Amino acid sequence: STDLRKKLATFYKNVSSKEIKFLLNNQPEITFDELYALLMDNQLTNFDPVKEAFKVYDPNDTGFVDMSIVKEFFANLGYGDISDEDAKIILETADADKDGRIGLEDFRLMVPFGQVAEGSKDK
């Protein structure tokens, strides 16, 4: 649970012990598939986990990933500093529509569960 808390703290600064216990479902650890199933099996309607994750990378609600946040996450996750050149490569790789920015739809293509059912997208 300490490892999960550390990783979650990269994205969510104030994760409580109660929230960690809930996510772990009182188990010592959780797999990605178990966490995904837990998040998808909830009472929320129109919940879009990718859109929620995107908000972490777009803290100013611009509609696009803030590359300084990406650099910060890489550093916080122990991958070291990302150079401007590396950030440019990340941007070019993730920018599916080639508009020079990473929007929500580009972001969806980067995550394994990013595709939502047709008709349920709201931008």
C-alpha atoms as a PDB file:
ATOM      1  CA  SER A   1       0.000   0.000   0.000  1.00  0.00           C
ATOM      2  CA  THR A   2       2.971   2.323   0.526  1.00  0.00           C
ATOM      3  CA  ASP A   3       3.978   1.805  -3.115  1.00  0.00           C
ATOM      4  CA  LEU A   4       0.442   2.570  -4.300  1.00  0.00           C
ATOM      5  CA  ARG A   5       0.278   5.668  -2.090  1.00  0.00           C
ATOM      6  CA  LYS A   6       3.592   6.918  -3.518  1.00  0.00           C
ATOM      7  CA  LYS A   7       2.463   6.392  -7.108  1.00  0.00           C
ATOM      8  CA  LEU A   8      -0.962   7.929  -6.526  1.00  0.00           C
ATOM      9  CA  ALA A   9       0.626  10.921  -4.791  1.00  0.00           C
ATOM     10  CA  THR A  10       2.221  11.769  -8.129  1.00  0.00           C
ATOM     11  CA  PHE A  11      -1.253  12.429  -9.493  1.00  0.00           C
ATOM     12  CA  TYR A  12      -3.317  13.121  -6.384  1.00  0.00           C
ATOM     13  CA  LYS A  13      -1.546  15.037  -3.635  1.00  0.00           C
ATOM     14  CA  ASN A  14      -3.878  14.236  -0.716  1.00  0.00           C
ATOM     15  CA  VAL A  15      -4.780  10.557  -0.924  1.00  0.00           C
ATOM     16  CA  SER A  16      -6.121   9.336   2.420  1.00  0.00           C
ATOM     17  CA  SER A  17      -5.479   5.946   4.004  1.00  0.00           C
ATOM     18  CA  LYS A  18      -9.215   5.253   3.723  1.00  0.00           C
ATOM     19  CA  GLU A  19      -9.082   5.833  -0.042  1.00  0.00           C
ATOM     20  CA  ILE A  20      -6.030   3.574  -0.381  1.00  0.00           C
ATOM     21  CA  LYS A  21      -7.797   0.805   1.568  1.00  0.00           C
ATOM     22  CA  PHE A  22     -10.855   1.193  -0.656  1.00  0.00           C
ATOM     23  CA  LEU A  23      -8.781   0.953  -3.828  1.00  0.00           C
ATOM     24  CA  LEU A  24      -6.894  -2.065  -2.525  1.00  0.00           C
ATOM     25  CA  ASN A  25     -10.159  -3.665  -1.401  1.00  0.00           C
ATOM     26  CA  ASN A  26      -8.398  -4.709   1.845  1.00  0.00           C
ATOM     27  CA  GLN A  27      -5.752  -6.626  -0.098  1.00  0.00           C
ATOM     28  CA  PRO A  28      -1.998  -6.016   0.229  1.00  0.00           C
ATOM     29  CA  GLU A  29      -1.764  -5.104  -3.468  1.00  0.00           C
ATOM     30  CA  ILE A  30      -3.936  -4.696  -6.551  1.00  0.00           C
ATOM     31  CA  THR A  31      -3.347  -5.425 -10.208  1.00  0.00           C
ATOM     32  CA  PHE A  32      -4.164  -3.009 -13.005  1.00  0.00           C
ATOM     33  CA  ASP A  33      -7.026  -5.275 -14.139  1.00  0.00           C
ATOM     34  CA  GLU A  34      -8.491  -5.377 -10.623  1.00  0.00           C
ATOM     35  CA  LEU A  35      -8.269  -1.597 -10.268  1.00  0.00           C
ATOM     36  CA  TYR A  36      -9.838  -1.108 -13.694  1.00  0.00           C
ATOM     37  CA  ALA A  37     -12.712  -3.463 -12.832  1.00  0.00           C
ATOM     38  CA  LEU A  38     -13.246  -1.645  -9.528  1.00  0.00           C
ATOM     39  CA  LEU A  39     -13.366   1.740 -11.234  1.00  0.00           C
ATOM     40  CA  MET A  40     -15.671   0.537 -13.991  1.00  0.00           C
ATOM     41  CA  ASP A  41     -18.029  -1.281 -11.599  1.00  0.00           C
ATOM     42  CA  ASN A  42     -19.399   1.778  -9.862  1.00  0.00           C
ATOM     43  CA  GLN A  43     -22.680   3.596  -9.499  1.00  0.00           C
ATOM     44  CA  LEU A  44     -21.604   6.593 -11.541  1.00  0.00           C
ATOM     45  CA  THR A  45     -23.206   7.103 -14.919  1.00  0.00           C
ATOM     46  CA  ASN A  46     -21.291   8.678 -17.775  1.00  0.00           C
ATOM     47  CA  PHE A  47     -18.046   8.224 -15.840  1.00  0.00           C
ATOM     48  CA  ASP A  48     -15.109   8.549 -18.200  1.00  0.00           C
ATOM     49  CA  PRO A  49     -11.907   7.433 -16.432  1.00  0.00           C
ATOM     50  CA  VAL A  50      -9.733   8.706 -19.282  1.00  0.00           C
ATOM     51  CA  LYS A  51     -11.299  12.150 -19.135  1.00  0.00           C
ATOM     52  CA  GLU A  52     -10.731  12.197 -15.366  1.00  0.00           C
ATOM     53  CA  ALA A  53      -7.093  11.138 -15.823  1.00  0.00           C
ATOM     54  CA  PHE A  54      -6.672  13.782 -18.525  1.00  0.00           C
ATOM     55  CA  LYS A  55      -7.637  16.476 -16.014  1.00  0.00           C
ATOM     56  CA  VAL A  56      -4.472  15.669 -14.056  1.00  0.00           C
ATOM     57  CA  TYR A  57      -2.375  16.534 -17.119  1.00  0.00           C
ATOM     58  CA  ASP A  58      -4.507  19.604 -17.889  1.00  0.00           C
ATOM     59  CA  PRO A  59      -4.713  21.359 -14.491  1.00  0.00           C
ATOM     60  CA  ASN A  60      -5.584  24.731 -16.054  1.00  0.00           C
ATOM     61  CA  ASP A  61      -8.482  23.256 -18.059  1.00  0.00           C
ATOM     62  CA  THR A  62      -7.066  24.378 -21.405  1.00  0.00           C
ATOM     63  CA  GLY A  63      -8.204  21.237 -23.193  1.00  0.00           C
ATOM     64  CA  PHE A  64      -4.608  20.165 -23.760  1.00  0.00           C
ATOM     65  CA  VAL A  65      -1.858  18.364 -21.847  1.00  0.00           C
ATOM     66  CA  ASP A  66       0.528  20.713 -20.050  1.00  0.00           C
ATOM     67  CA  MET A  67       3.990  19.394 -20.957  1.00  0.00           C
ATOM     68  CA  SER A  68       5.504  20.851 -17.765  1.00  0.00           C
ATOM     69  CA  ILE A  69       3.187  18.498 -15.839  1.00  0.00           C
ATOM     70  CA  VAL A  70       4.393  15.570 -17.967  1.00  0.00           C
ATOM     71  CA  LYS A  71       8.003  16.487 -17.142  1.00  0.00           C
ATOM     72  CA  GLU A  72       7.116  16.726 -13.437  1.00  0.00           C
ATOM     73  CA  PHE A  73       5.443  13.297 -13.475  1.00  0.00           C
ATOM     74  CA  PHE A  74       8.439  11.652 -15.131  1.00  0.00           C
ATOM     75  CA  ALA A  75      10.688  13.131 -12.440  1.00  0.00           C
ATOM     76  CA  ASN A  76       8.294  12.160  -9.607  1.00  0.00           C
ATOM     77  CA  LEU A  77       8.051   8.601 -10.898  1.00  0.00           C
ATOM     78  CA  GLY A  78      11.831   8.273 -10.791  1.00  0.00           C
ATOM     79  CA  TYR A  79      12.575   8.516 -14.517  1.00  0.00           C
ATOM     80  CA  GLY A  80      14.713  11.630 -14.075  1.00  0.00           C
ATOM     81  CA  ASP A  81      14.520  14.952 -15.798  1.00  0.00           C
ATOM     82  CA  ILE A  82      13.003  15.135 -19.262  1.00  0.00           C
ATOM     83  CA  SER A  83      14.830  17.463 -21.636  1.00  0.00           C
ATOM     84  CA  ASP A  84      12.966  19.833 -23.925  1.00  0.00           C
ATOM     85  CA  GLU A  85      13.983  17.587 -26.814  1.00  0.00           C
ATOM     86  CA  ASP A  86      12.556  14.509 -25.048  1.00  0.00           C
ATOM     87  CA  ALA A  87       9.345  16.433 -24.295  1.00  0.00           C
ATOM     88  CA  LYS A  88       9.107  17.355 -27.988  1.00  0.00           C
ATOM     89  CA  ILE A  89       9.431  13.669 -28.939  1.00  0.00           C
ATOM     90  CA  ILE A  90       6.728  12.702 -26.420  1.00  0.00           C
ATOM     91  CA  LEU A  91       4.469  15.421 -27.810  1.00  0.00           C
ATOM     92  CA  GLU A  92       5.053  14.423 -31.437  1.00  0.00           C
ATOM     93  CA  THR A  93       4.454  10.760 -30.627  1.00  0.00           C
ATOM     94  CA  ALA A  94       1.238  11.375 -28.692  1.00  0.00           C
ATOM     95  CA  ASP A  95      -0.185  14.068 -31.003  1.00  0.00           C
ATOM     96  CA  ALA A  96      -2.327  11.797 -33.196  1.00  0.00           C
ATOM     97  CA  ASP A  97      -4.146  14.629 -34.994  1.00  0.00           C
ATOM     98  CA  LYS A  98      -0.868  16.530 -35.566  1.00  0.00           C
ATOM     99  CA  ASP A  99      -2.146  19.882 -34.293  1.00  0.00           C
ATOM    100  CA  GLY A 100       0.937  20.413 -32.121  1.00  0.00           C
ATOM    101  CA  ARG A 101      -0.876  19.657 -28.847  1.00  0.00           C
ATOM    102  CA  ILE A 102      -2.134  16.615 -26.946  1.00  0.00           C
ATOM    103  CA  GLY A 103      -5.898  16.891 -26.572  1.00  0.00           C
ATOM    104  CA  LEU A 104      -8.303  14.479 -24.917  1.00  0.00           C
ATOM    105  CA  GLU A 105      -8.814  12.393 -28.055  1.00  0.00           C
ATOM    106  CA  ASP A 106      -5.028  12.089 -28.541  1.00  0.00           C
ATOM    107  CA  PHE A 107      -4.758  11.126 -24.866  1.00  0.00           C
ATOM    108  CA  ARG A 108      -7.424   8.420 -25.295  1.00  0.00           C
ATOM    109  CA  LEU A 109      -5.267   6.722 -27.892  1.00  0.00           C
ATOM    110  CA  MET A 110      -2.384   6.458 -25.417  1.00  0.00           C
ATOM    111  CA  VAL A 111      -4.195   4.519 -22.681  1.00  0.00           C
ATOM    112  CA  PRO A 112      -5.310   0.890 -23.011  1.00  0.00           C
ATOM    113  CA  PHE A 113      -8.865   1.587 -21.838  1.00  0.00           C
ATOM    114  CA  GLY A 114      -9.196   4.932 -23.601  1.00  0.00           C
ATOM    115  CA  GLN A 115     -11.807   4.084 -26.168  1.00  0.00           C
ATOM    116  CA  VAL A 116     -15.344   4.908 -25.090  1.00  0.00           C
ATOM    117  CA  ALA A 117     -18.448   3.448 -26.628  1.00  0.00           C
ATOM    118  CA  GLU A 118     -19.830   5.422 -29.568  1.00  0.00           C
ATOM    119  CA  GLY A 119     -22.455   7.897 -28.533  1.00  0.00           C
ATOM    120  CA  SER A 120     -21.150   8.320 -24.985  1.00  0.00           C
ATOM    121  CA  LYS A 121     -18.436  10.866 -25.761  1.00  0.00           C
ATOM    122  CA  ASP A 122     -18.918  14.324 -24.384  1.00  0.00           C
ATOM    123  CA  LYS A 123     -16.253  16.871 -25.091  1.00  0.00           C
END
